[in-house]
Amino acid sequence: MKRRTISVISMIFILLMIIRVIEIIFVKTDQTWVGENILHKICCILLVWTALEMLRLHWSDLGFSKKGLFTGLKYGFALGISTFFLSYAAEFIVLLVMGKHPSLGFYITNFSLTQTHTNGSSLLAVIVCIIGNIVNVYAEEGLFRGLFFKIGMQYYSQKTANIIQALLFGVWHITNVINPLLDGSMNIAMAVFMGIGYILLSGILAYEWGMCAALSGMLWIGASEHLFNNFISNSLHTVTETGADEMMIIRITLSNVLSLLFVLVISRKNIHNK
């Protein structure tokens, strides 16, 4: 049964990765007014829905239940706001030490550590960004912390199932280096380095969100932090006289690590209390 479980997860993941790569390379929806590669996320939602129908389950069985919604949103947004406040502060300090004069700029871009495309700061751009991120979060949380984690825990320990979904979520994000590699703005060595970075950074958050799902029995904490992280990365930028988001890697890395540490501390405290 374990082998069959791995086969099912692998087939779903590979199919969605193929659709994701096709959209990233050929459709490039993130470079349009949409600002997000959203087509494969819609396919992801449909595939998860199909799997749930076959298993005779509902979205609430994955953790998207009405019960605990407000509590989950409260804790998730609190995690996002606190960790990004500290990480923006650290980024500002580094830029000041470098002799630059950073300020904050609000405008919508796609999220990337290598390539960004600006969509402006109009109300329409903000609304499209929010909707796109909601679809993105619903798809990714439903697939990784929902379906994969739920299936994995039937035949593996909770920790092993969490590691599996976190690793897959990390691999899911190495596709971000495809276009820079193809257009020549990134060489193979840099692509490998950035790919490993995406796996680590995305994997850290995925593992943390899996812990949140295991601790709370719902996906709302991870989903709301996921939504906040994506939106703030898309909209709030550090600007200097020489560019924007030059030290974004500090902000992203620190916020991810802090978020995991906060949840680990809470988890240890819960275990101690029990």
C-alpha atoms as a PDB file:
ATOM      1  CA  MET A   1       0.000   0.000   0.000  1.00  0.00           C
ATOM      2  CA  LYS A   2       2.906   2.357   0.703  1.00  0.00           C
ATOM      3  CA  ARG A   3       4.237   1.801  -2.805  1.00  0.00           C
ATOM      4  CA  ARG A   4       0.790   2.488  -4.245  1.00  0.00           C
ATOM      5  CA  THR A   5       0.512   5.667  -2.147  1.00  0.00           C
ATOM      6  CA  ILE A   6       3.843   6.942  -3.459  1.00  0.00           C
ATOM      7  CA  SER A   7       2.752   6.100  -7.029  1.00  0.00           C
ATOM      8  CA  VAL A   8      -0.525   8.039  -6.705  1.00  0.00           C
ATOM      9  CA  ILE A   9       1.183  11.096  -5.208  1.00  0.00           C
ATOM     10  CA  SER A  10       3.946  10.952  -7.837  1.00  0.00           C
ATOM     11  CA  MET A  11       1.511  10.674 -10.763  1.00  0.00           C
ATOM     12  CA  ILE A  12      -0.548  13.652  -9.590  1.00  0.00           C
ATOM     13  CA  PHE A  13       2.573  15.701  -8.912  1.00  0.00           C
ATOM     14  CA  ILE A  14       4.250  14.905 -12.255  1.00  0.00           C
ATOM     15  CA  LEU A  15       1.072  15.670 -14.216  1.00  0.00           C
ATOM     16  CA  LEU A  16       0.682  19.064 -12.534  1.00  0.00           C
ATOM     17  CA  MET A  17       4.400  19.814 -12.934  1.00  0.00           C
ATOM     18  CA  ILE A  18       4.099  19.210 -16.686  1.00  0.00           C
ATOM     19  CA  ILE A  19       1.111  21.582 -16.899  1.00  0.00           C
ATOM     20  CA  ARG A  20       2.981  24.121 -14.738  1.00  0.00           C
ATOM     21  CA  VAL A  21       6.107  24.014 -16.941  1.00  0.00           C
ATOM     22  CA  ILE A  22       4.024  24.388 -20.120  1.00  0.00           C
ATOM     23  CA  GLU A  23       2.346  27.501 -18.717  1.00  0.00           C
ATOM     24  CA  ILE A  24       5.627  28.987 -17.462  1.00  0.00           C
ATOM     25  CA  ILE A  25       7.501  28.454 -20.742  1.00  0.00           C
ATOM     26  CA  PHE A  26       4.843  28.956 -23.404  1.00  0.00           C
ATOM     27  CA  VAL A  27       1.825  30.775 -21.935  1.00  0.00           C
ATOM     28  CA  LYS A  28       3.664  33.013 -19.424  1.00  0.00           C
ATOM     29  CA  THR A  29       0.499  34.160 -17.712  1.00  0.00           C
ATOM     30  CA  ASP A  30       2.571  35.831 -14.990  1.00  0.00           C
ATOM     31  CA  GLN A  31       3.901  38.292 -17.577  1.00  0.00           C
ATOM     32  CA  THR A  32       0.389  39.441 -18.521  1.00  0.00           C
ATOM     33  CA  TRP A  33      -2.014  41.702 -16.628  1.00  0.00           C
ATOM     34  CA  VAL A  34      -2.953  38.663 -14.512  1.00  0.00           C
ATOM     35  CA  GLY A  35       0.525  38.705 -12.920  1.00  0.00           C
ATOM     36  CA  GLU A  36       0.286  35.056 -11.840  1.00  0.00           C
ATOM     37  CA  ASN A  37       0.636  31.677 -13.541  1.00  0.00           C
ATOM     38  CA  ILE A  38      -2.898  30.832 -12.566  1.00  0.00           C
ATOM     39  CA  LEU A  39      -3.986  28.334 -15.235  1.00  0.00           C
ATOM     40  CA  HIS A  40      -2.141  25.347 -13.767  1.00  0.00           C
ATOM     41  CA  LYS A  41      -3.451  26.330 -10.315  1.00  0.00           C
ATOM     42  CA  ILE A  42      -7.008  26.032 -11.642  1.00  0.00           C
ATOM     43  CA  CYS A  43      -6.064  22.625 -13.079  1.00  0.00           C
ATOM     44  CA  CYS A  44      -4.666  21.768  -9.653  1.00  0.00           C
ATOM     45  CA  ILE A  45      -7.954  22.628  -7.925  1.00  0.00           C
ATOM     46  CA  LEU A  46      -9.898  20.568 -10.467  1.00  0.00           C
ATOM     47  CA  LEU A  47      -7.568  17.601 -10.006  1.00  0.00           C
ATOM     48  CA  VAL A  48      -7.828  17.762  -6.207  1.00  0.00           C
ATOM     49  CA  TRP A  49     -11.615  17.999  -6.533  1.00  0.00           C
ATOM     50  CA  THR A  50     -11.621  14.938  -8.821  1.00  0.00           C
ATOM     51  CA  ALA A  51      -9.463  13.001  -6.352  1.00  0.00           C
ATOM     52  CA  LEU A  52     -11.821  13.934  -3.513  1.00  0.00           C
ATOM     53  CA  GLU A  53     -14.810  12.738  -5.536  1.00  0.00           C
ATOM     54  CA  MET A  54     -13.077   9.413  -6.165  1.00  0.00           C
ATOM     55  CA  LEU A  55     -12.203   9.064  -2.477  1.00  0.00           C
ATOM     56  CA  ARG A  56     -15.697  10.226  -1.468  1.00  0.00           C
ATOM     57  CA  LEU A  57     -14.233  13.057   0.581  1.00  0.00           C
ATOM     58  CA  HIS A  58     -14.913  16.782   0.806  1.00  0.00           C
ATOM     59  CA  TRP A  59     -12.688  19.870   0.948  1.00  0.00           C
ATOM     60  CA  SER A  60     -13.533  20.072   4.647  1.00  0.00           C
ATOM     61  CA  ASP A  61     -11.897  16.666   5.119  1.00  0.00           C
ATOM     62  CA  LEU A  62      -8.623  18.193   3.925  1.00  0.00           C
ATOM     63  CA  GLY A  63      -8.873  20.990   6.481  1.00  0.00           C
ATOM     64  CA  PHE A  64     -10.924  23.659   4.707  1.00  0.00           C
ATOM     65  CA  SER A  65     -13.841  23.439   7.126  1.00  0.00           C
ATOM     66  CA  LYS A  66     -15.897  26.378   8.365  1.00  0.00           C
ATOM     67  CA  LYS A  67     -15.104  25.432  11.932  1.00  0.00           C
ATOM     68  CA  GLY A  68     -11.989  27.217  13.103  1.00  0.00           C
ATOM     69  CA  LEU A  69     -11.895  29.578  10.108  1.00  0.00           C
ATOM     70  CA  PHE A  70     -11.665  32.804  12.123  1.00  0.00           C
ATOM     71  CA  THR A  71      -9.113  31.370  14.566  1.00  0.00           C
ATOM     72  CA  GLY A  72      -6.998  30.041  11.713  1.00  0.00           C
ATOM     73  CA  LEU A  73      -7.030  33.359   9.876  1.00  0.00           C
ATOM     74  CA  LYS A  74      -6.127  35.206  13.079  1.00  0.00           C
ATOM     75  CA  TYR A  75      -3.089  33.075  13.844  1.00  0.00           C
ATOM     76  CA  GLY A  76      -1.964  32.826  10.234  1.00  0.00           C
ATOM     77  CA  PHE A  77      -2.033  36.568   9.617  1.00  0.00           C
ATOM     78  CA  ALA A  78      -0.356  37.158  12.990  1.00  0.00           C
ATOM     79  CA  LEU A  79       2.506  34.866  11.932  1.00  0.00           C
ATOM     80  CA  GLY A  80       2.855  36.617   8.582  1.00  0.00           C
ATOM     81  CA  ILE A  81       2.716  40.158   9.951  1.00  0.00           C
ATOM     82  CA  SER A  82       5.159  39.557  12.810  1.00  0.00           C
ATOM     83  CA  THR A  83       7.789  37.702  10.766  1.00  0.00           C
ATOM     84  CA  PHE A  84       7.681  40.125   7.848  1.00  0.00           C
ATOM     85  CA  PHE A  85       7.839  43.142  10.159  1.00  0.00           C
ATOM     86  CA  LEU A  86      11.093  41.791  11.591  1.00  0.00           C
ATOM     87  CA  SER A  87      12.472  40.769   8.198  1.00  0.00           C
ATOM     88  CA  TYR A  88      11.716  44.151   6.574  1.00  0.00           C
ATOM     89  CA  ALA A  89      13.446  45.813   9.544  1.00  0.00           C
ATOM     90  CA  ALA A  90      16.522  43.622   9.047  1.00  0.00           C
ATOM     91  CA  GLU A  91      16.563  44.376   5.318  1.00  0.00           C
ATOM     92  CA  PHE A  92      16.382  48.128   6.020  1.00  0.00           C
ATOM     93  CA  ILE A  93      19.269  47.893   8.485  1.00  0.00           C
ATOM     94  CA  VAL A  94      21.466  46.067   5.946  1.00  0.00           C
ATOM     95  CA  LEU A  95      20.678  48.638   3.250  1.00  0.00           C
ATOM     96  CA  LEU A  96      21.427  51.509   5.634  1.00  0.00           C
ATOM     97  CA  VAL A  97      24.769  49.928   6.563  1.00  0.00           C
ATOM     98  CA  MET A  98      25.525  49.671   2.836  1.00  0.00           C
ATOM     99  CA  GLY A  99      25.099  53.457   2.621  1.00  0.00           C
ATOM    100  CA  LYS A 100      21.765  53.379   0.807  1.00  0.00           C
ATOM    101  CA  HIS A 101      18.588  55.181   1.758  1.00  0.00           C
ATOM    102  CA  PRO A 102      15.753  52.644   1.621  1.00  0.00           C
ATOM    103  CA  SER A 103      12.078  53.444   1.575  1.00  0.00           C
ATOM    104  CA  LEU A 104       8.934  51.405   1.061  1.00  0.00           C
ATOM    105  CA  GLY A 105       7.094  51.374  -2.257  1.00  0.00           C
ATOM    106  CA  PHE A 106       3.645  49.913  -2.862  1.00  0.00           C
ATOM    107  CA  TYR A 107       3.044  48.507  -6.336  1.00  0.00           C
ATOM    108  CA  ILE A 108       2.132  45.102  -7.723  1.00  0.00           C
ATOM    109  CA  THR A 109       4.682  42.737  -9.235  1.00  0.00           C
ATOM    110  CA  ASN A 110       4.901  39.003  -9.728  1.00  0.00           C
ATOM    111  CA  PHE A 111       6.978  37.268  -7.056  1.00  0.00           C
ATOM    112  CA  SER A 112      10.448  36.201  -8.141  1.00  0.00           C
ATOM    113  CA  LEU A 113      13.948  36.376  -6.716  1.00  0.00           C
ATOM    114  CA  THR A 114      15.306  36.777 -10.258  1.00  0.00           C
ATOM    115  CA  GLN A 115      12.721  38.330 -12.605  1.00  0.00           C
ATOM    116  CA  THR A 116       9.936  40.748 -11.770  1.00  0.00           C
ATOM    117  CA  HIS A 117       7.195  42.263 -13.902  1.00  0.00           C
ATOM    118  CA  THR A 118       5.426  45.352 -12.611  1.00  0.00           C
ATOM    119  CA  ASN A 119       1.659  45.676 -12.996  1.00  0.00           C
ATOM    120  CA  GLY A 120       1.283  49.086 -11.303  1.00  0.00           C
ATOM    121  CA  SER A 121      -0.570  50.142  -8.182  1.00  0.00           C
ATOM    122  CA  SER A 122      -4.111  50.672  -9.438  1.00  0.00           C
ATOM    123  CA  LEU A 123      -7.103  49.262  -7.579  1.00  0.00           C
ATOM    124  CA  LEU A 124      -7.646  46.777 -10.412  1.00  0.00           C
ATOM    125  CA  ALA A 125      -4.053  45.532 -10.156  1.00  0.00           C
ATOM    126  CA  VAL A 126      -4.449  45.052  -6.385  1.00  0.00           C
ATOM    127  CA  ILE A 127      -7.772  43.199  -6.780  1.00  0.00           C
ATOM    128  CA  VAL A 128      -6.362  40.944  -9.516  1.00  0.00           C
ATOM    129  CA  CYS A 129      -3.326  40.233  -7.319  1.00  0.00           C
ATOM    130  CA  ILE A 130      -5.516  39.284  -4.339  1.00  0.00           C
ATOM    131  CA  ILE A 131      -7.765  37.030  -6.422  1.00  0.00           C
ATOM    132  CA  GLY A 132      -4.784  35.392  -8.086  1.00  0.00           C
ATOM    133  CA  ASN A 133      -3.167  34.733  -4.716  1.00  0.00           C
ATOM    134  CA  ILE A 134      -6.384  33.285  -3.274  1.00  0.00           C
ATOM    135  CA  VAL A 135      -6.572  30.823  -6.177  1.00  0.00           C
ATOM    136  CA  ASN A 136      -2.872  30.051  -5.748  1.00  0.00           C
ATOM    137  CA  VAL A 137      -3.181  29.414  -2.002  1.00  0.00           C
ATOM    138  CA  TYR A 138      -6.349  27.333  -2.336  1.00  0.00           C
ATOM    139  CA  ALA A 139      -4.668  25.164  -4.977  1.00  0.00           C
ATOM    140  CA  GLU A 140      -1.317  24.698  -3.251  1.00  0.00           C
ATOM    141  CA  GLU A 141      -2.655  24.238   0.282  1.00  0.00           C
ATOM    142  CA  GLY A 142      -5.348  21.873  -0.966  1.00  0.00           C
ATOM    143  CA  LEU A 143      -2.793  19.810  -2.893  1.00  0.00           C
ATOM    144  CA  PHE A 144       0.273  19.731  -0.619  1.00  0.00           C
ATOM    145  CA  ARG A 145      -0.912  20.263   2.980  1.00  0.00           C
ATOM    146  CA  GLY A 146      -4.306  18.816   2.108  1.00  0.00           C
ATOM    147  CA  LEU A 147      -4.357  15.892  -0.324  1.00  0.00           C
ATOM    148  CA  PHE A 148      -0.691  14.820  -0.215  1.00  0.00           C
ATOM    149  CA  PHE A 149      -0.402  15.219   3.565  1.00  0.00           C
ATOM    150  CA  LYS A 150      -3.733  13.462   4.145  1.00  0.00           C
ATOM    151  CA  ILE A 151      -2.859  10.532   1.880  1.00  0.00           C
ATOM    152  CA  GLY A 152       0.667  10.328   3.265  1.00  0.00           C
ATOM    153  CA  MET A 153      -0.458  10.111   6.895  1.00  0.00           C
ATOM    154  CA  GLN A 154      -2.519   7.006   6.132  1.00  0.00           C
ATOM    155  CA  TYR A 155       0.639   4.958   5.575  1.00  0.00           C
ATOM    156  CA  TYR A 156       3.472   7.029   7.055  1.00  0.00           C
ATOM    157  CA  SER A 157       4.138   8.844  10.289  1.00  0.00           C
ATOM    158  CA  GLN A 158       2.981  12.432  10.509  1.00  0.00           C
ATOM    159  CA  LYS A 159       6.569  13.683  10.388  1.00  0.00           C
ATOM    160  CA  THR A 160       7.434  11.597   7.303  1.00  0.00           C
ATOM    161  CA  ALA A 161       4.269  12.662   5.484  1.00  0.00           C
ATOM    162  CA  ASN A 162       5.075  16.285   6.287  1.00  0.00           C
ATOM    163  CA  ILE A 163       8.628  15.922   4.973  1.00  0.00           C
ATOM    164  CA  ILE A 164       7.309  14.368   1.734  1.00  0.00           C
ATOM    165  CA  GLN A 165       4.851  17.186   1.016  1.00  0.00           C
ATOM    166  CA  ALA A 166       7.445  19.825   1.982  1.00  0.00           C
ATOM    167  CA  LEU A 167      10.035  18.316  -0.353  1.00  0.00           C
ATOM    168  CA  LEU A 168       7.522  18.177  -3.206  1.00  0.00           C
ATOM    169  CA  PHE A 169       6.520  21.803  -2.535  1.00  0.00           C
ATOM    170  CA  GLY A 170      10.175  22.797  -2.717  1.00  0.00           C
ATOM    171  CA  VAL A 171      10.690  20.966  -6.015  1.00  0.00           C
ATOM    172  CA  TRP A 172       7.468  22.603  -7.267  1.00  0.00           C
ATOM    173  CA  HIS A 173       9.216  25.989  -7.047  1.00  0.00           C
ATOM    174  CA  ILE A 174      12.420  25.184  -8.942  1.00  0.00           C
ATOM    175  CA  THR A 175      10.416  25.934 -12.088  1.00  0.00           C
ATOM    176  CA  ASN A 176      10.995  29.614 -11.228  1.00  0.00           C
ATOM    177  CA  VAL A 177      14.485  29.348 -12.727  1.00  0.00           C
ATOM    178  CA  ILE A 178      13.314  28.016 -16.111  1.00  0.00           C
ATOM    179  CA  ASN A 179      12.685  31.293 -17.942  1.00  0.00           C
ATOM    180  CA  PRO A 180      15.838  33.069 -16.629  1.00  0.00           C
ATOM    181  CA  LEU A 181      17.833  30.044 -17.763  1.00  0.00           C
ATOM    182  CA  LEU A 182      16.192  29.964 -21.199  1.00  0.00           C
ATOM    183  CA  ASP A 183      16.553  33.696 -21.900  1.00  0.00           C
ATOM    184  CA  GLY A 184      20.233  33.679 -20.871  1.00  0.00           C
ATOM    185  CA  SER A 185      19.907  35.965 -17.860  1.00  0.00           C
ATOM    186  CA  MET A 186      21.042  33.087 -15.654  1.00  0.00           C
ATOM    187  CA  ASN A 187      23.731  30.466 -16.316  1.00  0.00           C
ATOM    188  CA  ILE A 188      23.448  26.799 -15.351  1.00  0.00           C
ATOM    189  CA  ALA A 189      25.540  27.156 -12.183  1.00  0.00           C
ATOM    190  CA  MET A 190      23.404  30.040 -10.950  1.00  0.00           C
ATOM    191  CA  ALA A 191      20.217  28.171 -11.921  1.00  0.00           C
ATOM    192  CA  VAL A 192      21.329  25.181  -9.830  1.00  0.00           C
ATOM    193  CA  PHE A 193      22.164  27.469  -6.899  1.00  0.00           C
ATOM    194  CA  MET A 194      18.835  29.311  -7.131  1.00  0.00           C
ATOM    195  CA  GLY A 195      16.958  26.039  -7.598  1.00  0.00           C
ATOM    196  CA  ILE A 196      18.419  24.670  -4.370  1.00  0.00           C
ATOM    197  CA  GLY A 197      17.532  27.957  -2.691  1.00  0.00           C
ATOM    198  CA  TYR A 198      13.918  27.705  -3.844  1.00  0.00           C
ATOM    199  CA  ILE A 199      13.704  24.116  -2.570  1.00  0.00           C
ATOM    200  CA  LEU A 200      15.048  25.108   0.845  1.00  0.00           C
ATOM    201  CA  LEU A 201      13.020  28.302   1.292  1.00  0.00           C
ATOM    202  CA  SER A 202       9.763  26.827  -0.012  1.00  0.00           C
ATOM    203  CA  GLY A 203      10.376  23.589   1.854  1.00  0.00           C
ATOM    204  CA  ILE A 204      10.826  25.424   5.157  1.00  0.00           C
ATOM    205  CA  LEU A 205       7.464  27.136   4.813  1.00  0.00           C
ATOM    206  CA  ALA A 206       5.774  23.977   3.559  1.00  0.00           C
ATOM    207  CA  TYR A 207       7.017  22.014   6.565  1.00  0.00           C
ATOM    208  CA  GLU A 208       5.863  24.769   8.904  1.00  0.00           C
ATOM    209  CA  TRP A 209       2.414  24.921   7.295  1.00  0.00           C
ATOM    210  CA  GLY A 210       2.206  21.140   7.555  1.00  0.00           C
ATOM    211  CA  MET A 211       2.945  21.459  11.276  1.00  0.00           C
ATOM    212  CA  CYS A 212       0.207  24.074  11.566  1.00  0.00           C
ATOM    213  CA  ALA A 213      -2.220  21.694   9.849  1.00  0.00           C
ATOM    214  CA  ALA A 214      -1.225  18.848  12.169  1.00  0.00           C
ATOM    215  CA  LEU A 215      -1.448  21.006  15.308  1.00  0.00           C
ATOM    216  CA  SER A 216      -4.778  22.636  14.477  1.00  0.00           C
ATOM    217  CA  GLY A 217      -6.461  19.972  12.338  1.00  0.00           C
ATOM    218  CA  MET A 218      -7.186  22.599   9.666  1.00  0.00           C
ATOM    219  CA  LEU A 219      -5.470  24.360   6.785  1.00  0.00           C
ATOM    220  CA  TRP A 220      -6.542  27.914   7.597  1.00  0.00           C
ATOM    221  CA  ILE A 221      -3.442  28.934   9.584  1.00  0.00           C
ATOM    222  CA  GLY A 222      -1.024  27.964   6.824  1.00  0.00           C
ATOM    223  CA  ALA A 223      -3.355  29.200   4.103  1.00  0.00           C
ATOM    224  CA  SER A 224      -3.762  32.668   5.620  1.00  0.00           C
ATOM    225  CA  GLU A 225      -0.024  33.060   6.255  1.00  0.00           C
ATOM    226  CA  HIS A 226       0.614  31.791   2.716  1.00  0.00           C
ATOM    227  CA  LEU A 227      -1.816  34.393   1.356  1.00  0.00           C
ATOM    228  CA  PHE A 228      -0.277  37.205   3.398  1.00  0.00           C
ATOM    229  CA  ASN A 229       3.289  36.232   2.452  1.00  0.00           C
ATOM    230  CA  ASN A 230       2.479  36.133  -1.247  1.00  0.00           C
ATOM    231  CA  PHE A 231       0.563  39.403  -1.260  1.00  0.00           C
ATOM    232  CA  ILE A 232       3.139  41.342   0.759  1.00  0.00           C
ATOM    233  CA  SER A 233       5.915  40.007  -1.499  1.00  0.00           C
ATOM    234  CA  ASN A 234       3.896  41.068  -4.544  1.00  0.00           C
ATOM    235  CA  SER A 235       3.090  44.548  -3.273  1.00  0.00           C
ATOM    236  CA  LEU A 236       5.414  46.021  -0.602  1.00  0.00           C
ATOM    237  CA  HIS A 237       8.922  46.668  -1.904  1.00  0.00           C
ATOM    238  CA  THR A 238      12.118  48.201  -0.555  1.00  0.00           C
ATOM    239  CA  VAL A 239      13.262  50.958  -2.888  1.00  0.00           C
ATOM    240  CA  THR A 240      16.652  52.695  -3.038  1.00  0.00           C
ATOM    241  CA  GLU A 241      18.301  55.092  -5.487  1.00  0.00           C
ATOM    242  CA  THR A 242      19.883  52.083  -7.245  1.00  0.00           C
ATOM    243  CA  GLY A 243      16.849  49.830  -7.575  1.00  0.00           C
ATOM    244  CA  ALA A 244      14.156  47.861  -5.779  1.00  0.00           C
ATOM    245  CA  ASP A 245      14.253  44.747  -3.611  1.00  0.00           C
ATOM    246  CA  GLU A 246      18.027  44.439  -3.949  1.00  0.00           C
ATOM    247  CA  MET A 247      18.279  42.603  -0.626  1.00  0.00           C
ATOM    248  CA  MET A 248      14.938  40.781  -0.886  1.00  0.00           C
ATOM    249  CA  ILE A 249      16.720  37.478  -0.249  1.00  0.00           C
ATOM    250  CA  ILE A 250      17.356  38.643   3.342  1.00  0.00           C
ATOM    251  CA  ARG A 251      13.694  39.441   3.882  1.00  0.00           C
ATOM    252  CA  ILE A 252      12.411  36.172   2.399  1.00  0.00           C
ATOM    253  CA  THR A 253      14.959  33.937   4.115  1.00  0.00           C
ATOM    254  CA  LEU A 254      14.559  35.556   7.535  1.00  0.00           C
ATOM    255  CA  SER A 255      10.758  35.581   7.419  1.00  0.00           C
ATOM    256  CA  ASN A 256      10.672  31.883   6.465  1.00  0.00           C
ATOM    257  CA  VAL A 257      13.118  30.847   9.194  1.00  0.00           C
ATOM    258  CA  LEU A 258      11.427  32.977  11.868  1.00  0.00           C
ATOM    259  CA  SER A 259       8.025  31.591  10.959  1.00  0.00           C
ATOM    260  CA  LEU A 260       9.262  28.007  11.310  1.00  0.00           C
ATOM    261  CA  LEU A 261      10.972  28.812  14.620  1.00  0.00           C
ATOM    262  CA  PHE A 262       7.796  30.400  16.019  1.00  0.00           C
ATOM    263  CA  VAL A 263       5.732  27.320  15.135  1.00  0.00           C
ATOM    264  CA  LEU A 264       8.403  24.958  16.513  1.00  0.00           C
ATOM    265  CA  VAL A 265       8.352  26.843  19.829  1.00  0.00           C
ATOM    266  CA  ILE A 266       4.538  26.673  19.952  1.00  0.00           C
ATOM    267  CA  SER A 267       4.656  22.975  19.098  1.00  0.00           C
ATOM    268  CA  ARG A 268       7.186  22.252  21.860  1.00  0.00           C
ATOM    269  CA  LYS A 269       5.076  24.220  24.323  1.00  0.00           C
ATOM    270  CA  ASN A 270       1.966  22.207  23.418  1.00  0.00           C
ATOM    271  CA  ILE A 271       3.853  18.937  23.871  1.00  0.00           C
ATOM    272  CA  HIS A 272       5.185  20.123  27.246  1.00  0.00           C
ATOM    273  CA  ASN A 273       1.705  21.137  28.419  1.00  0.00           C
ATOM    274  CA  LYS A 274       0.257  17.771  27.410  1.00  0.00           C
END
